[in-house]
């Protein structure tokens, strides 16, 4: 048995929330302490970029340095405590059928697309644009709240010379990750529509977000 994987069946009928998020669109929702958020890769090999904030104090947000220092690994996996800039646990990974999720690759941007893939890609969809649109719709938030993000169902490889490359094929249709909220967390997702690297298998697809109250 792979100790990085754990499948926990949950009854959809008992979920308190569910929504399908199309590729290239954003999703923002508060997950309350004790609730479980399941992110399902419906079609396989879809990158889900995510930012996290304390729902009552957005100045506290996901921090990659504290998260990696606590677990001494660069990937999010079963058992990982996703930590804030105040070193508080925001989410805990309690089930995972994919196995590894990226913390190294930043969300795609117009500038990044131009540098990596030439000027013709500058005005293609980017996750940073999606994040900013959601910030502008949210009172008290702005583009200054953009920070380092997580990338679920994505793996970025670091080679011997220090270059980062997207790995392909680590997820599949129906793979999911379950996150247990350890505080009230404001979750912001960009369901990536990147077409220029294999993070989406060059075919962006929808994902599903489901929330359950934690069972006693």
C-alpha atoms as a PDB file:
ATOM      1  CA  UNK A   1       0.000   0.000   0.000  1.00  0.00           C
ATOM      2  CA  UNK A   2       1.270   3.482  -0.878  1.00  0.00           C
ATOM      3  CA  UNK A   3       1.498   5.401   2.412  1.00  0.00           C
ATOM      4  CA  UNK A   4       1.066   8.676   0.485  1.00  0.00           C
ATOM      5  CA  UNK A   5      -2.439   7.694  -0.626  1.00  0.00           C
ATOM      6  CA  UNK A   6      -5.644   7.341   1.368  1.00  0.00           C
ATOM      7  CA  UNK A   7      -9.145   6.957  -0.090  1.00  0.00           C
ATOM      8  CA  UNK A   8     -11.972   7.865   2.319  1.00  0.00           C
ATOM      9  CA  UNK A   9     -15.439   7.367   0.798  1.00  0.00           C
ATOM     10  CA  UNK A  10     -17.854  10.180   1.676  1.00  0.00           C
ATOM     11  CA  UNK A  11     -21.594  10.390   1.004  1.00  0.00           C
ATOM     12  CA  UNK A  12     -22.350  13.149  -1.500  1.00  0.00           C
ATOM     13  CA  UNK A  13     -25.878  13.372  -0.156  1.00  0.00           C
ATOM     14  CA  UNK A  14     -24.545  14.561   3.205  1.00  0.00           C
ATOM     15  CA  UNK A  15     -22.396  17.342   1.714  1.00  0.00           C
ATOM     16  CA  UNK A  16     -23.299  20.887   2.726  1.00  0.00           C
ATOM     17  CA  UNK A  17     -21.954  22.459  -0.483  1.00  0.00           C
ATOM     18  CA  UNK A  18     -20.805  21.466  -3.966  1.00  0.00           C
ATOM     19  CA  UNK A  19     -19.874  23.353  -7.111  1.00  0.00           C
ATOM     20  CA  UNK A  20     -18.223  22.552 -10.422  1.00  0.00           C
ATOM     21  CA  UNK A  21     -15.566  25.100 -11.392  1.00  0.00           C
ATOM     22  CA  UNK A  22     -14.859  25.425 -15.104  1.00  0.00           C
ATOM     23  CA  UNK A  23     -11.302  25.734 -16.402  1.00  0.00           C
ATOM     24  CA  UNK A  24     -10.215  29.359 -16.602  1.00  0.00           C
ATOM     25  CA  UNK A  25     -12.590  30.520 -13.881  1.00  0.00           C
ATOM     26  CA  UNK A  26     -12.192  31.375 -10.205  1.00  0.00           C
ATOM     27  CA  UNK A  27     -13.869  30.168  -7.014  1.00  0.00           C
ATOM     28  CA  UNK A  28     -13.918  31.809  -3.598  1.00  0.00           C
ATOM     29  CA  UNK A  29     -15.580  30.317  -0.528  1.00  0.00           C
ATOM     30  CA  UNK A  30     -15.141  30.163   3.238  1.00  0.00           C
ATOM     31  CA  UNK A  31     -14.518  26.711   4.667  1.00  0.00           C
ATOM     32  CA  UNK A  32     -15.369  26.729   8.370  1.00  0.00           C
ATOM     33  CA  UNK A  33     -13.204  25.183  11.064  1.00  0.00           C
ATOM     34  CA  UNK A  34     -13.906  21.442  11.237  1.00  0.00           C
ATOM     35  CA  UNK A  35     -15.281  21.209   7.704  1.00  0.00           C
ATOM     36  CA  UNK A  36     -13.677  19.083   5.005  1.00  0.00           C
ATOM     37  CA  UNK A  37     -13.071  20.449   1.522  1.00  0.00           C
ATOM     38  CA  UNK A  38     -12.692  17.859  -1.236  1.00  0.00           C
ATOM     39  CA  UNK A  39     -11.179  18.981  -4.550  1.00  0.00           C
ATOM     40  CA  UNK A  40     -11.910  16.495  -7.342  1.00  0.00           C
ATOM     41  CA  UNK A  41      -9.926  16.412 -10.579  1.00  0.00           C
ATOM     42  CA  UNK A  42     -12.909  15.383 -12.706  1.00  0.00           C
ATOM     43  CA  UNK A  43     -11.158  14.586 -15.994  1.00  0.00           C
ATOM     44  CA  UNK A  44      -7.529  14.175 -14.915  1.00  0.00           C
ATOM     45  CA  UNK A  45      -4.275  16.171 -15.068  1.00  0.00           C
ATOM     46  CA  UNK A  46      -5.869  19.510 -14.193  1.00  0.00           C
ATOM     47  CA  UNK A  47      -3.905  22.113 -12.220  1.00  0.00           C
ATOM     48  CA  UNK A  48      -5.798  23.859  -9.397  1.00  0.00           C
ATOM     49  CA  UNK A  49      -4.015  27.007  -8.169  1.00  0.00           C
ATOM     50  CA  UNK A  50      -5.021  28.036  -4.650  1.00  0.00           C
ATOM     51  CA  UNK A  51      -4.555  30.916  -2.209  1.00  0.00           C
ATOM     52  CA  UNK A  52      -5.651  30.705   1.448  1.00  0.00           C
ATOM     53  CA  UNK A  53      -6.558  33.386   4.009  1.00  0.00           C
ATOM     54  CA  UNK A  54      -7.772  33.494   7.587  1.00  0.00           C
ATOM     55  CA  UNK A  55     -11.446  34.293   6.969  1.00  0.00           C
ATOM     56  CA  UNK A  56     -11.469  36.794   9.848  1.00  0.00           C
ATOM     57  CA  UNK A  57      -8.073  38.351   9.205  1.00  0.00           C
ATOM     58  CA  UNK A  58      -6.910  38.184   5.564  1.00  0.00           C
ATOM     59  CA  UNK A  59      -3.510  39.496   6.658  1.00  0.00           C
ATOM     60  CA  UNK A  60      -2.902  35.940   7.854  1.00  0.00           C
ATOM     61  CA  UNK A  61      -2.527  33.753   4.786  1.00  0.00           C
ATOM     62  CA  UNK A  62      -0.873  30.621   3.396  1.00  0.00           C
ATOM     63  CA  UNK A  63       2.890  30.712   3.747  1.00  0.00           C
ATOM     64  CA  UNK A  64       5.030  28.330   1.743  1.00  0.00           C
ATOM     65  CA  UNK A  65       8.133  28.774   3.925  1.00  0.00           C
ATOM     66  CA  UNK A  66       6.403  27.783   7.165  1.00  0.00           C
ATOM     67  CA  UNK A  67       4.616  24.907   5.466  1.00  0.00           C
ATOM     68  CA  UNK A  68       7.808  23.433   4.032  1.00  0.00           C
ATOM     69  CA  UNK A  69       9.862  24.038   7.179  1.00  0.00           C
ATOM     70  CA  UNK A  70       7.304  22.163   9.289  1.00  0.00           C
ATOM     71  CA  UNK A  71       7.323  19.062   7.101  1.00  0.00           C
ATOM     72  CA  UNK A  72      10.840  19.315   5.597  1.00  0.00           C
ATOM     73  CA  UNK A  73       9.480  18.511   2.133  1.00  0.00           C
ATOM     74  CA  UNK A  74       8.629  20.610  -0.920  1.00  0.00           C
ATOM     75  CA  UNK A  75       5.425  18.773  -1.856  1.00  0.00           C
ATOM     76  CA  UNK A  76       1.986  18.737  -0.274  1.00  0.00           C
ATOM     77  CA  UNK A  77       0.824  15.199   0.486  1.00  0.00           C
ATOM     78  CA  UNK A  78      -1.164  13.081   2.939  1.00  0.00           C
ATOM     79  CA  UNK A  79      -0.665  14.421   6.472  1.00  0.00           C
ATOM     80  CA  UNK A  80       0.757  17.800   5.430  1.00  0.00           C
ATOM     81  CA  UNK A  81      -0.131  20.738   7.660  1.00  0.00           C
ATOM     82  CA  UNK A  82      -0.672  23.752   5.416  1.00  0.00           C
ATOM     83  CA  UNK A  83       0.528  26.687   7.529  1.00  0.00           C
ATOM     84  CA  UNK A  84       0.065  30.458   7.596  1.00  0.00           C
ATOM     85  CA  UNK A  85       2.535  33.332   7.891  1.00  0.00           C
ATOM     86  CA  UNK A  86       1.747  33.261  11.650  1.00  0.00           C
ATOM     87  CA  UNK A  87       2.730  29.550  11.624  1.00  0.00           C
ATOM     88  CA  UNK A  88      -0.812  28.423  12.407  1.00  0.00           C
ATOM     89  CA  UNK A  89      -2.236  25.335  10.717  1.00  0.00           C
ATOM     90  CA  UNK A  90      -4.878  26.350   8.179  1.00  0.00           C
ATOM     91  CA  UNK A  91      -5.631  22.997   6.529  1.00  0.00           C
ATOM     92  CA  UNK A  92      -4.530  19.436   7.138  1.00  0.00           C
ATOM     93  CA  UNK A  93      -4.468  16.906   4.271  1.00  0.00           C
ATOM     94  CA  UNK A  94      -6.586  14.009   5.589  1.00  0.00           C
ATOM     95  CA  UNK A  95      -7.176  12.021   2.383  1.00  0.00           C
ATOM     96  CA  UNK A  96      -5.466  11.999  -1.004  1.00  0.00           C
ATOM     97  CA  UNK A  97      -5.713   9.719  -4.025  1.00  0.00           C
ATOM     98  CA  UNK A  98      -3.230  11.663  -6.160  1.00  0.00           C
ATOM     99  CA  UNK A  99      -0.192  11.679  -3.887  1.00  0.00           C
ATOM    100  CA  UNK A 100       1.816  14.852  -4.475  1.00  0.00           C
ATOM    101  CA  UNK A 101       0.971  18.529  -5.008  1.00  0.00           C
ATOM    102  CA  UNK A 102       3.268  21.409  -5.901  1.00  0.00           C
ATOM    103  CA  UNK A 103       4.457  24.366  -3.812  1.00  0.00           C
ATOM    104  CA  UNK A 104       7.250  25.610  -6.126  1.00  0.00           C
ATOM    105  CA  UNK A 105       5.554  26.853  -9.301  1.00  0.00           C
ATOM    106  CA  UNK A 106       3.852  30.229  -9.041  1.00  0.00           C
ATOM    107  CA  UNK A 107       0.527  30.937 -10.704  1.00  0.00           C
ATOM    108  CA  UNK A 108       0.834  31.693 -14.405  1.00  0.00           C
ATOM    109  CA  UNK A 109       0.738  35.374 -15.411  1.00  0.00           C
ATOM    110  CA  UNK A 110       0.757  37.480 -18.565  1.00  0.00           C
ATOM    111  CA  UNK A 111       4.377  38.385 -17.892  1.00  0.00           C
ATOM    112  CA  UNK A 112       5.387  34.800 -17.191  1.00  0.00           C
ATOM    113  CA  UNK A 113       3.626  33.551 -20.311  1.00  0.00           C
ATOM    114  CA  UNK A 114       5.512  36.141 -22.376  1.00  0.00           C
ATOM    115  CA  UNK A 115       8.907  35.221 -20.945  1.00  0.00           C
ATOM    116  CA  UNK A 116       8.368  31.466 -21.200  1.00  0.00           C
ATOM    117  CA  UNK A 117       6.333  31.111 -24.374  1.00  0.00           C
ATOM    118  CA  UNK A 118       6.916  34.298 -26.476  1.00  0.00           C
ATOM    119  CA  UNK A 119       4.809  37.435 -26.863  1.00  0.00           C
ATOM    120  CA  UNK A 120       1.973  35.693 -28.687  1.00  0.00           C
ATOM    121  CA  UNK A 121       0.856  34.181 -25.345  1.00  0.00           C
ATOM    122  CA  UNK A 122       0.768  37.439 -23.370  1.00  0.00           C
ATOM    123  CA  UNK A 123      -2.994  37.844 -23.522  1.00  0.00           C
ATOM    124  CA  UNK A 124      -3.883  34.220 -22.937  1.00  0.00           C
ATOM    125  CA  UNK A 125      -5.630  33.261 -19.689  1.00  0.00           C
ATOM    126  CA  UNK A 126      -3.531  33.495 -16.543  1.00  0.00           C
ATOM    127  CA  UNK A 127      -4.217  32.433 -12.961  1.00  0.00           C
ATOM    128  CA  UNK A 128      -2.935  35.714 -11.571  1.00  0.00           C
ATOM    129  CA  UNK A 129      -5.543  37.589 -13.606  1.00  0.00           C
ATOM    130  CA  UNK A 130      -8.220  35.296 -12.180  1.00  0.00           C
ATOM    131  CA  UNK A 131      -6.995  35.928  -8.642  1.00  0.00           C
ATOM    132  CA  UNK A 132      -7.014  39.704  -9.168  1.00  0.00           C
ATOM    133  CA  UNK A 133     -10.555  39.645 -10.567  1.00  0.00           C
ATOM    134  CA  UNK A 134     -11.726  37.851  -7.425  1.00  0.00           C
ATOM    135  CA  UNK A 135      -9.885  40.315  -5.184  1.00  0.00           C
ATOM    136  CA  UNK A 136     -11.636  43.212  -6.914  1.00  0.00           C
ATOM    137  CA  UNK A 137     -14.998  41.567  -6.199  1.00  0.00           C
ATOM    138  CA  UNK A 138     -14.171  41.154  -2.491  1.00  0.00           C
ATOM    139  CA  UNK A 139     -14.489  44.119  -0.105  1.00  0.00           C
ATOM    140  CA  UNK A 140     -11.273  44.806   1.783  1.00  0.00           C
ATOM    141  CA  UNK A 141      -9.027  42.897  -0.641  1.00  0.00           C
ATOM    142  CA  UNK A 142      -6.908  44.032  -3.584  1.00  0.00           C
ATOM    143  CA  UNK A 143      -4.181  42.782  -5.900  1.00  0.00           C
ATOM    144  CA  UNK A 144      -1.747  43.382  -3.026  1.00  0.00           C
ATOM    145  CA  UNK A 145      -3.208  40.233  -1.462  1.00  0.00           C
ATOM    146  CA  UNK A 146      -1.643  38.121  -4.228  1.00  0.00           C
ATOM    147  CA  UNK A 147       0.973  35.821  -2.693  1.00  0.00           C
ATOM    148  CA  UNK A 148       2.628  32.445  -3.313  1.00  0.00           C
ATOM    149  CA  UNK A 149       0.083  29.781  -4.182  1.00  0.00           C
ATOM    150  CA  UNK A 150      -0.366  26.040  -3.968  1.00  0.00           C
ATOM    151  CA  UNK A 151      -0.873  23.933  -7.101  1.00  0.00           C
ATOM    152  CA  UNK A 152      -3.018  20.865  -6.511  1.00  0.00           C
ATOM    153  CA  UNK A 153      -2.709  17.896  -8.909  1.00  0.00           C
ATOM    154  CA  UNK A 154       0.527  19.411 -10.241  1.00  0.00           C
ATOM    155  CA  UNK A 155       4.169  18.491  -9.733  1.00  0.00           C
ATOM    156  CA  UNK A 156       7.104  20.737 -10.578  1.00  0.00           C
ATOM    157  CA  UNK A 157      10.501  19.068 -10.822  1.00  0.00           C
ATOM    158  CA  UNK A 158      13.735  20.746  -9.738  1.00  0.00           C
ATOM    159  CA  UNK A 159      16.678  19.468 -11.796  1.00  0.00           C
ATOM    160  CA  UNK A 160      20.371  19.345 -10.854  1.00  0.00           C
ATOM    161  CA  UNK A 161      21.017  22.729 -12.457  1.00  0.00           C
ATOM    162  CA  UNK A 162      18.210  24.435 -10.525  1.00  0.00           C
ATOM    163  CA  UNK A 163      15.673  24.644 -13.361  1.00  0.00           C
ATOM    164  CA  UNK A 164      11.991  23.995 -12.716  1.00  0.00           C
ATOM    165  CA  UNK A 165       9.974  21.839 -15.115  1.00  0.00           C
ATOM    166  CA  UNK A 166       6.331  20.777 -14.982  1.00  0.00           C
ATOM    167  CA  UNK A 167       5.816  17.038 -14.692  1.00  0.00           C
ATOM    168  CA  UNK A 168       2.916  15.519 -16.601  1.00  0.00           C
ATOM    169  CA  UNK A 169       0.531  12.705 -15.821  1.00  0.00           C
ATOM    170  CA  UNK A 170       0.550  12.642 -12.004  1.00  0.00           C
ATOM    171  CA  UNK A 171      -3.245  12.818 -11.653  1.00  0.00           C
ATOM    172  CA  UNK A 172      -6.207  11.101 -13.273  1.00  0.00           C
ATOM    173  CA  UNK A 173      -9.966  11.337 -13.655  1.00  0.00           C
ATOM    174  CA  UNK A 174     -11.665  11.268 -10.266  1.00  0.00           C
ATOM    175  CA  UNK A 175      -8.522  11.789  -8.179  1.00  0.00           C
ATOM    176  CA  UNK A 176      -9.107  14.000  -5.167  1.00  0.00           C
ATOM    177  CA  UNK A 177      -7.602  15.591  -2.086  1.00  0.00           C
ATOM    178  CA  UNK A 178      -9.427  16.218   1.212  1.00  0.00           C
ATOM    179  CA  UNK A 179      -8.498  19.228   3.358  1.00  0.00           C
ATOM    180  CA  UNK A 180      -9.633  19.506   6.989  1.00  0.00           C
ATOM    181  CA  UNK A 181      -9.971  23.145   8.068  1.00  0.00           C
ATOM    182  CA  UNK A 182      -8.187  23.958  11.325  1.00  0.00           C
ATOM    183  CA  UNK A 183      -9.550  27.533  11.255  1.00  0.00           C
ATOM    184  CA  UNK A 184     -12.147  29.389   9.201  1.00  0.00           C
ATOM    185  CA  UNK A 185     -10.346  29.605   5.853  1.00  0.00           C
ATOM    186  CA  UNK A 186     -11.180  31.831   2.901  1.00  0.00           C
ATOM    187  CA  UNK A 187     -10.218  29.729  -0.122  1.00  0.00           C
ATOM    188  CA  UNK A 188      -9.475  31.316  -3.487  1.00  0.00           C
ATOM    189  CA  UNK A 189      -9.015  29.031  -6.500  1.00  0.00           C
ATOM    190  CA  UNK A 190      -8.006  29.646 -10.078  1.00  0.00           C
ATOM    191  CA  UNK A 191      -8.817  26.542 -12.100  1.00  0.00           C
ATOM    192  CA  UNK A 192      -5.931  26.960 -14.500  1.00  0.00           C
ATOM    193  CA  UNK A 193      -6.488  27.191 -18.265  1.00  0.00           C
ATOM    194  CA  UNK A 194      -2.786  27.178 -19.166  1.00  0.00           C
ATOM    195  CA  UNK A 195      -2.245  25.673 -22.650  1.00  0.00           C
ATOM    196  CA  UNK A 196       1.511  26.105 -23.011  1.00  0.00           C
ATOM    197  CA  UNK A 197       2.885  23.512 -20.587  1.00  0.00           C
ATOM    198  CA  UNK A 198       1.727  20.043 -19.488  1.00  0.00           C
ATOM    199  CA  UNK A 199       0.279  21.064 -16.091  1.00  0.00           C
ATOM    200  CA  UNK A 200      -3.198  20.569 -17.620  1.00  0.00           C
ATOM    201  CA  UNK A 201      -2.180  17.972 -20.212  1.00  0.00           C
ATOM    202  CA  UNK A 202      -2.728  20.824 -22.748  1.00  0.00           C
ATOM    203  CA  UNK A 203      -6.466  20.324 -22.223  1.00  0.00           C
ATOM    204  CA  UNK A 204      -7.901  22.388 -19.317  1.00  0.00           C
ATOM    205  CA  UNK A 205     -10.934  20.753 -17.693  1.00  0.00           C
ATOM    206  CA  UNK A 206     -13.351  21.414 -14.789  1.00  0.00           C
ATOM    207  CA  UNK A 207     -12.914  20.417 -11.151  1.00  0.00           C
ATOM    208  CA  UNK A 208     -15.445  19.945  -8.378  1.00  0.00           C
ATOM    209  CA  UNK A 209     -15.391  21.460  -4.892  1.00  0.00           C
ATOM    210  CA  UNK A 210     -17.396  19.624  -2.194  1.00  0.00           C
ATOM    211  CA  UNK A 211     -17.676  20.525   1.492  1.00  0.00           C
ATOM    212  CA  UNK A 212     -18.797  18.309   4.366  1.00  0.00           C
ATOM    213  CA  UNK A 213     -19.213  19.044   8.039  1.00  0.00           C
ATOM    214  CA  UNK A 214     -16.743  16.843   9.909  1.00  0.00           C
ATOM    215  CA  UNK A 215     -18.245  13.650  11.269  1.00  0.00           C
ATOM    216  CA  UNK A 216     -18.236  13.276  15.034  1.00  0.00           C
END
